[in-house]
């Protein structure tokens, strides 16, 4: 039984267990050393309750996570977020990344976010195809953006419009202030999609 829920700081060790191999073995993240559990928990705390931070459990073990965070510090950037999603190697290729991304986007729309961005180390055809099917558009390539594992890597900037740009936007609503029933409906829908035999039956799922 797969479960999708909001993360808590107590999940730090499980989430870090999924994330660490990407730090140590790939350029997918530009982090070069695995953070301590304490430091990672502090990062999670800065997001939880303000933006969506989701975990996926399979048989009680955290096998994936996804979250949104503010992109840009100045006040006028309030309606922009960056998305991230990671799965344990045993749980990739099932279409669950798309399911989690849709859940994030649905929650962000309820919060009043307008733009969702994703920064993808390229080449990464699987990720590019995922974003394309989710409706993200390529804005451009940041050349030689980072040096890791003995090579320079480019980063693709992708954008998906989440809300309307007509008129002045209202203040973004913190996740913790959203209607709990509406949030639960989004999580239940993601959970149901992952528990069917073929998660690819979801919206644009790869």
C-alpha atoms as a PDB file:
ATOM      1  CA  UNK A   1       0.000   0.000   0.000  1.00  0.00           C
ATOM      2  CA  UNK A   2       1.427   3.320  -1.115  1.00  0.00           C
ATOM      3  CA  UNK A   3       0.732   6.398   0.967  1.00  0.00           C
ATOM      4  CA  UNK A   4       1.125  10.070   0.015  1.00  0.00           C
ATOM      5  CA  UNK A   5       1.167  12.588   2.841  1.00  0.00           C
ATOM      6  CA  UNK A   6       2.519  15.915   3.978  1.00  0.00           C
ATOM      7  CA  UNK A   7       6.049  15.653   5.346  1.00  0.00           C
ATOM      8  CA  UNK A   8       7.039  16.477   8.903  1.00  0.00           C
ATOM      9  CA  UNK A   9      10.484  17.327  10.238  1.00  0.00           C
ATOM     10  CA  UNK A  10      10.528  13.842  11.786  1.00  0.00           C
ATOM     11  CA  UNK A  11      10.813  12.484   8.222  1.00  0.00           C
ATOM     12  CA  UNK A  12      14.262  14.037   7.745  1.00  0.00           C
ATOM     13  CA  UNK A  13      16.221  10.792   8.026  1.00  0.00           C
ATOM     14  CA  UNK A  14      13.964   8.946   5.573  1.00  0.00           C
ATOM     15  CA  UNK A  15      13.924  11.786   3.064  1.00  0.00           C
ATOM     16  CA  UNK A  16      17.682  12.224   3.322  1.00  0.00           C
ATOM     17  CA  UNK A  17      18.090   8.517   2.632  1.00  0.00           C
ATOM     18  CA  UNK A  18      16.390   9.005  -0.737  1.00  0.00           C
ATOM     19  CA  UNK A  19      18.306  12.198  -1.514  1.00  0.00           C
ATOM     20  CA  UNK A  20      21.852  11.165  -0.507  1.00  0.00           C
ATOM     21  CA  UNK A  21      22.628   8.918  -3.526  1.00  0.00           C
ATOM     22  CA  UNK A  22      21.788  11.791  -5.875  1.00  0.00           C
ATOM     23  CA  UNK A  23      24.332  13.955  -4.033  1.00  0.00           C
ATOM     24  CA  UNK A  24      27.055  11.322  -4.027  1.00  0.00           C
ATOM     25  CA  UNK A  25      26.607   9.761  -7.455  1.00  0.00           C
ATOM     26  CA  UNK A  26      24.925  12.197  -9.883  1.00  0.00           C
ATOM     27  CA  UNK A  27      24.923  15.809 -11.102  1.00  0.00           C
ATOM     28  CA  UNK A  28      21.122  15.916 -10.796  1.00  0.00           C
ATOM     29  CA  UNK A  29      21.633  18.006  -7.671  1.00  0.00           C
ATOM     30  CA  UNK A  30      24.573  20.397  -7.522  1.00  0.00           C
ATOM     31  CA  UNK A  31      25.066  19.666  -3.842  1.00  0.00           C
ATOM     32  CA  UNK A  32      28.443  17.912  -3.507  1.00  0.00           C
ATOM     33  CA  UNK A  33      28.372  16.603   0.067  1.00  0.00           C
ATOM     34  CA  UNK A  34      25.506  14.953   1.914  1.00  0.00           C
ATOM     35  CA  UNK A  35      24.114  17.320   4.570  1.00  0.00           C
ATOM     36  CA  UNK A  36      23.765  16.179   8.152  1.00  0.00           C
ATOM     37  CA  UNK A  37      20.360  15.012   9.289  1.00  0.00           C
ATOM     38  CA  UNK A  38      20.144  18.072  11.539  1.00  0.00           C
ATOM     39  CA  UNK A  39      20.907  20.467   8.678  1.00  0.00           C
ATOM     40  CA  UNK A  40      18.474  18.681   6.394  1.00  0.00           C
ATOM     41  CA  UNK A  41      15.735  18.821   9.011  1.00  0.00           C
ATOM     42  CA  UNK A  42      16.283  22.579   9.274  1.00  0.00           C
ATOM     43  CA  UNK A  43      15.800  22.930   5.512  1.00  0.00           C
ATOM     44  CA  UNK A  44      12.584  20.953   5.674  1.00  0.00           C
ATOM     45  CA  UNK A  45      11.318  23.049   8.577  1.00  0.00           C
ATOM     46  CA  UNK A  46      11.807  26.214   6.504  1.00  0.00           C
ATOM     47  CA  UNK A  47       9.411  24.843   3.860  1.00  0.00           C
ATOM     48  CA  UNK A  48       6.855  22.773   5.767  1.00  0.00           C
ATOM     49  CA  UNK A  49       3.647  24.642   6.507  1.00  0.00           C
ATOM     50  CA  UNK A  50       4.475  27.388   4.018  1.00  0.00           C
ATOM     51  CA  UNK A  51       4.820  25.391   0.787  1.00  0.00           C
ATOM     52  CA  UNK A  52       3.907  21.783  -0.093  1.00  0.00           C
ATOM     53  CA  UNK A  53       6.418  19.154   1.029  1.00  0.00           C
ATOM     54  CA  UNK A  54       5.166  15.663   0.177  1.00  0.00           C
ATOM     55  CA  UNK A  55       6.518  12.205   0.939  1.00  0.00           C
ATOM     56  CA  UNK A  56       5.646   8.856  -0.585  1.00  0.00           C
ATOM     57  CA  UNK A  57       5.708   5.765   1.597  1.00  0.00           C
ATOM     58  CA  UNK A  58       5.685   2.197   0.290  1.00  0.00           C
ATOM     59  CA  UNK A  59       5.166  -0.466   2.959  1.00  0.00           C
ATOM     60  CA  UNK A  60       5.890   2.180   5.582  1.00  0.00           C
ATOM     61  CA  UNK A  61       9.239   3.278   4.102  1.00  0.00           C
ATOM     62  CA  UNK A  62       9.837   6.680   2.505  1.00  0.00           C
ATOM     63  CA  UNK A  63      10.687   6.044  -1.160  1.00  0.00           C
ATOM     64  CA  UNK A  64      10.162   9.496  -2.647  1.00  0.00           C
ATOM     65  CA  UNK A  65       9.544  13.132  -1.903  1.00  0.00           C
ATOM     66  CA  UNK A  66       8.696  16.366  -3.660  1.00  0.00           C
ATOM     67  CA  UNK A  67       8.471  19.956  -2.543  1.00  0.00           C
ATOM     68  CA  UNK A  68       8.131  23.555  -3.665  1.00  0.00           C
ATOM     69  CA  UNK A  69      10.104  26.503  -2.385  1.00  0.00           C
ATOM     70  CA  UNK A  70      10.105  30.201  -3.099  1.00  0.00           C
ATOM     71  CA  UNK A  71      12.205  31.276  -6.081  1.00  0.00           C
ATOM     72  CA  UNK A  72      13.552  34.794  -5.536  1.00  0.00           C
ATOM     73  CA  UNK A  73      13.898  36.671  -2.258  1.00  0.00           C
ATOM     74  CA  UNK A  74      12.467  40.085  -3.159  1.00  0.00           C
ATOM     75  CA  UNK A  75       8.818  40.793  -2.397  1.00  0.00           C
ATOM     76  CA  UNK A  76       7.658  40.881  -6.011  1.00  0.00           C
ATOM     77  CA  UNK A  77       8.812  37.265  -6.469  1.00  0.00           C
ATOM     78  CA  UNK A  78       6.185  36.043  -3.995  1.00  0.00           C
ATOM     79  CA  UNK A  79       4.179  34.136  -6.617  1.00  0.00           C
ATOM     80  CA  UNK A  80       7.092  32.090  -8.009  1.00  0.00           C
ATOM     81  CA  UNK A  81       8.279  28.676  -6.831  1.00  0.00           C
ATOM     82  CA  UNK A  82      10.896  26.071  -7.745  1.00  0.00           C
ATOM     83  CA  UNK A  83       9.863  22.408  -7.728  1.00  0.00           C
ATOM     84  CA  UNK A  84      11.968  19.358  -6.861  1.00  0.00           C
ATOM     85  CA  UNK A  85      11.173  15.636  -6.862  1.00  0.00           C
ATOM     86  CA  UNK A  86      13.308  12.602  -5.979  1.00  0.00           C
ATOM     87  CA  UNK A  87      12.632   8.863  -5.799  1.00  0.00           C
ATOM     88  CA  UNK A  88      14.689   5.932  -4.586  1.00  0.00           C
ATOM     89  CA  UNK A  89      16.169   3.980  -7.527  1.00  0.00           C
ATOM     90  CA  UNK A  90      13.831   1.076  -6.741  1.00  0.00           C
ATOM     91  CA  UNK A  91      10.821   3.327  -7.342  1.00  0.00           C
ATOM     92  CA  UNK A  92      11.667   5.232 -10.524  1.00  0.00           C
ATOM     93  CA  UNK A  93      10.044   4.567 -13.891  1.00  0.00           C
ATOM     94  CA  UNK A  94       6.565   4.058 -12.427  1.00  0.00           C
ATOM     95  CA  UNK A  95       5.040   7.408 -13.367  1.00  0.00           C
ATOM     96  CA  UNK A  96       4.982   8.506  -9.737  1.00  0.00           C
ATOM     97  CA  UNK A  97       7.077  11.604 -10.394  1.00  0.00           C
ATOM     98  CA  UNK A  98       4.315  12.986 -12.589  1.00  0.00           C
ATOM     99  CA  UNK A  99       1.720  12.146  -9.951  1.00  0.00           C
ATOM    100  CA  UNK A 100       3.643  14.041  -7.270  1.00  0.00           C
ATOM    101  CA  UNK A 101       4.255  17.005  -9.551  1.00  0.00           C
ATOM    102  CA  UNK A 102       0.531  17.266 -10.290  1.00  0.00           C
ATOM    103  CA  UNK A 103      -0.194  17.170  -6.563  1.00  0.00           C
ATOM    104  CA  UNK A 104       2.293  19.982  -5.971  1.00  0.00           C
ATOM    105  CA  UNK A 105       0.822  22.053  -8.801  1.00  0.00           C
ATOM    106  CA  UNK A 106      -2.740  21.551  -7.573  1.00  0.00           C
ATOM    107  CA  UNK A 107      -1.785  22.678  -4.059  1.00  0.00           C
ATOM    108  CA  UNK A 108       0.222  25.624  -5.352  1.00  0.00           C
ATOM    109  CA  UNK A 109      -2.754  26.776  -7.410  1.00  0.00           C
ATOM    110  CA  UNK A 110      -4.845  26.780  -4.243  1.00  0.00           C
ATOM    111  CA  UNK A 111      -2.164  28.918  -2.610  1.00  0.00           C
ATOM    112  CA  UNK A 112      -2.313  31.515  -5.377  1.00  0.00           C
ATOM    113  CA  UNK A 113       1.088  30.766  -6.919  1.00  0.00           C
ATOM    114  CA  UNK A 114       1.404  31.907 -10.540  1.00  0.00           C
ATOM    115  CA  UNK A 115       4.669  30.398 -11.863  1.00  0.00           C
ATOM    116  CA  UNK A 116       6.294  27.036 -11.154  1.00  0.00           C
ATOM    117  CA  UNK A 117       9.889  26.597 -12.294  1.00  0.00           C
ATOM    118  CA  UNK A 118      12.078  23.530 -12.519  1.00  0.00           C
ATOM    119  CA  UNK A 119      15.854  23.519 -12.941  1.00  0.00           C
ATOM    120  CA  UNK A 120      17.065  20.346 -14.640  1.00  0.00           C
ATOM    121  CA  UNK A 121      20.658  19.283 -15.192  1.00  0.00           C
ATOM    122  CA  UNK A 122      20.971  18.306 -18.855  1.00  0.00           C
ATOM    123  CA  UNK A 123      21.160  16.016 -20.681  1.00  0.00           C
ATOM    124  CA  UNK A 124      18.348  14.234 -18.832  1.00  0.00           C
ATOM    125  CA  UNK A 125      15.789  13.043 -21.345  1.00  0.00           C
ATOM    126  CA  UNK A 126      13.588  11.311 -18.771  1.00  0.00           C
ATOM    127  CA  UNK A 127      13.182  14.533 -16.793  1.00  0.00           C
ATOM    128  CA  UNK A 128      12.724  16.665 -19.905  1.00  0.00           C
ATOM    129  CA  UNK A 129       9.982  14.304 -21.151  1.00  0.00           C
ATOM    130  CA  UNK A 130       8.316  14.393 -17.732  1.00  0.00           C
ATOM    131  CA  UNK A 131       8.222  18.187 -17.716  1.00  0.00           C
ATOM    132  CA  UNK A 132       7.073  18.378 -21.323  1.00  0.00           C
ATOM    133  CA  UNK A 133       4.085  16.138 -20.607  1.00  0.00           C
ATOM    134  CA  UNK A 134       3.257  18.226 -17.551  1.00  0.00           C
ATOM    135  CA  UNK A 135       3.096  21.358 -19.686  1.00  0.00           C
ATOM    136  CA  UNK A 136       6.398  22.976 -18.731  1.00  0.00           C
ATOM    137  CA  UNK A 137       8.038  25.150 -21.373  1.00  0.00           C
ATOM    138  CA  UNK A 138      11.785  25.473 -21.864  1.00  0.00           C
ATOM    139  CA  UNK A 139      12.915  29.031 -21.106  1.00  0.00           C
ATOM    140  CA  UNK A 140      16.579  28.485 -21.881  1.00  0.00           C
ATOM    141  CA  UNK A 141      19.801  26.692 -21.017  1.00  0.00           C
ATOM    142  CA  UNK A 142      22.246  27.987 -18.409  1.00  0.00           C
ATOM    143  CA  UNK A 143      25.551  26.834 -19.883  1.00  0.00           C
ATOM    144  CA  UNK A 144      28.303  25.352 -17.702  1.00  0.00           C
ATOM    145  CA  UNK A 145      26.266  26.236 -14.632  1.00  0.00           C
ATOM    146  CA  UNK A 146      28.041  23.884 -12.239  1.00  0.00           C
ATOM    147  CA  UNK A 147      31.109  21.664 -11.917  1.00  0.00           C
ATOM    148  CA  UNK A 148      30.606  18.263 -10.325  1.00  0.00           C
ATOM    149  CA  UNK A 149      31.996  14.740 -10.706  1.00  0.00           C
ATOM    150  CA  UNK A 150      34.776  15.943 -12.954  1.00  0.00           C
ATOM    151  CA  UNK A 151      32.694  17.802 -15.517  1.00  0.00           C
ATOM    152  CA  UNK A 152      30.822  21.032 -16.222  1.00  0.00           C
ATOM    153  CA  UNK A 153      27.050  20.682 -16.476  1.00  0.00           C
ATOM    154  CA  UNK A 154      24.329  22.738 -18.183  1.00  0.00           C
ATOM    155  CA  UNK A 155      20.995  23.469 -16.522  1.00  0.00           C
ATOM    156  CA  UNK A 156      17.656  23.807 -18.318  1.00  0.00           C
ATOM    157  CA  UNK A 157      15.195  26.339 -16.885  1.00  0.00           C
ATOM    158  CA  UNK A 158      11.585  25.225 -17.362  1.00  0.00           C
ATOM    159  CA  UNK A 159       8.384  27.057 -16.479  1.00  0.00           C
ATOM    160  CA  UNK A 160       4.726  26.131 -16.021  1.00  0.00           C
ATOM    161  CA  UNK A 161       1.999  28.738 -15.596  1.00  0.00           C
ATOM    162  CA  UNK A 162      -0.080  27.867 -12.533  1.00  0.00           C
ATOM    163  CA  UNK A 163      -2.456  30.829 -12.258  1.00  0.00           C
ATOM    164  CA  UNK A 164      -3.845  33.865 -14.061  1.00  0.00           C
ATOM    165  CA  UNK A 165      -1.901  37.086 -14.586  1.00  0.00           C
ATOM    166  CA  UNK A 166      -4.963  39.306 -14.943  1.00  0.00           C
ATOM    167  CA  UNK A 167      -5.023  42.127 -12.428  1.00  0.00           C
ATOM    168  CA  UNK A 168      -3.115  42.435  -9.179  1.00  0.00           C
ATOM    169  CA  UNK A 169      -2.589  39.123  -7.362  1.00  0.00           C
ATOM    170  CA  UNK A 170      -3.722  38.552  -3.818  1.00  0.00           C
ATOM    171  CA  UNK A 171      -1.243  37.500  -1.175  1.00  0.00           C
ATOM    172  CA  UNK A 172      -0.045  33.919  -1.461  1.00  0.00           C
ATOM    173  CA  UNK A 173      -1.760  31.691   1.080  1.00  0.00           C
ATOM    174  CA  UNK A 174       0.552  29.563   3.259  1.00  0.00           C
ATOM    175  CA  UNK A 175      -0.066  25.853   2.862  1.00  0.00           C
ATOM    176  CA  UNK A 176      -1.037  25.556   6.517  1.00  0.00           C
ATOM    177  CA  UNK A 177      -3.885  28.018   5.957  1.00  0.00           C
ATOM    178  CA  UNK A 178      -5.506  26.081   3.118  1.00  0.00           C
ATOM    179  CA  UNK A 179      -8.722  24.158   3.633  1.00  0.00           C
ATOM    180  CA  UNK A 180      -7.666  20.821   5.130  1.00  0.00           C
ATOM    181  CA  UNK A 181     -10.323  18.891   3.205  1.00  0.00           C
ATOM    182  CA  UNK A 182      -9.157  20.346  -0.115  1.00  0.00           C
ATOM    183  CA  UNK A 183      -5.546  19.444   0.700  1.00  0.00           C
ATOM    184  CA  UNK A 184      -6.551  15.920   1.663  1.00  0.00           C
ATOM    185  CA  UNK A 185      -8.431  15.500  -1.619  1.00  0.00           C
ATOM    186  CA  UNK A 186      -5.270  16.295  -3.563  1.00  0.00           C
ATOM    187  CA  UNK A 187      -3.212  13.836  -1.528  1.00  0.00           C
ATOM    188  CA  UNK A 188      -5.880  11.137  -1.818  1.00  0.00           C
ATOM    189  CA  UNK A 189      -5.977  11.543  -5.597  1.00  0.00           C
ATOM    190  CA  UNK A 190      -2.189  11.169  -5.807  1.00  0.00           C
ATOM    191  CA  UNK A 191      -2.310   8.148  -3.529  1.00  0.00           C
ATOM    192  CA  UNK A 192      -5.016   6.509  -5.611  1.00  0.00           C
ATOM    193  CA  UNK A 193      -3.028   7.070  -8.821  1.00  0.00           C
ATOM    194  CA  UNK A 194       0.024   5.381  -7.321  1.00  0.00           C
ATOM    195  CA  UNK A 195      -1.950   2.427  -6.012  1.00  0.00           C
ATOM    196  CA  UNK A 196      -3.394   1.420  -9.362  1.00  0.00           C
ATOM    197  CA  UNK A 197      -1.483  -1.196 -11.318  1.00  0.00           C
ATOM    198  CA  UNK A 198      -0.402   1.349 -13.928  1.00  0.00           C
ATOM    199  CA  UNK A 199       0.289   4.803 -12.495  1.00  0.00           C
ATOM    200  CA  UNK A 200       0.592   5.982 -16.078  1.00  0.00           C
ATOM    201  CA  UNK A 201      -3.175   6.272 -16.160  1.00  0.00           C
ATOM    202  CA  UNK A 202      -2.832   9.658 -14.428  1.00  0.00           C
ATOM    203  CA  UNK A 203      -2.663  13.032 -16.134  1.00  0.00           C
ATOM    204  CA  UNK A 204       0.255  13.056 -18.530  1.00  0.00           C
ATOM    205  CA  UNK A 205       2.083  10.469 -16.441  1.00  0.00           C
ATOM    206  CA  UNK A 206       5.243   8.876 -17.824  1.00  0.00           C
END
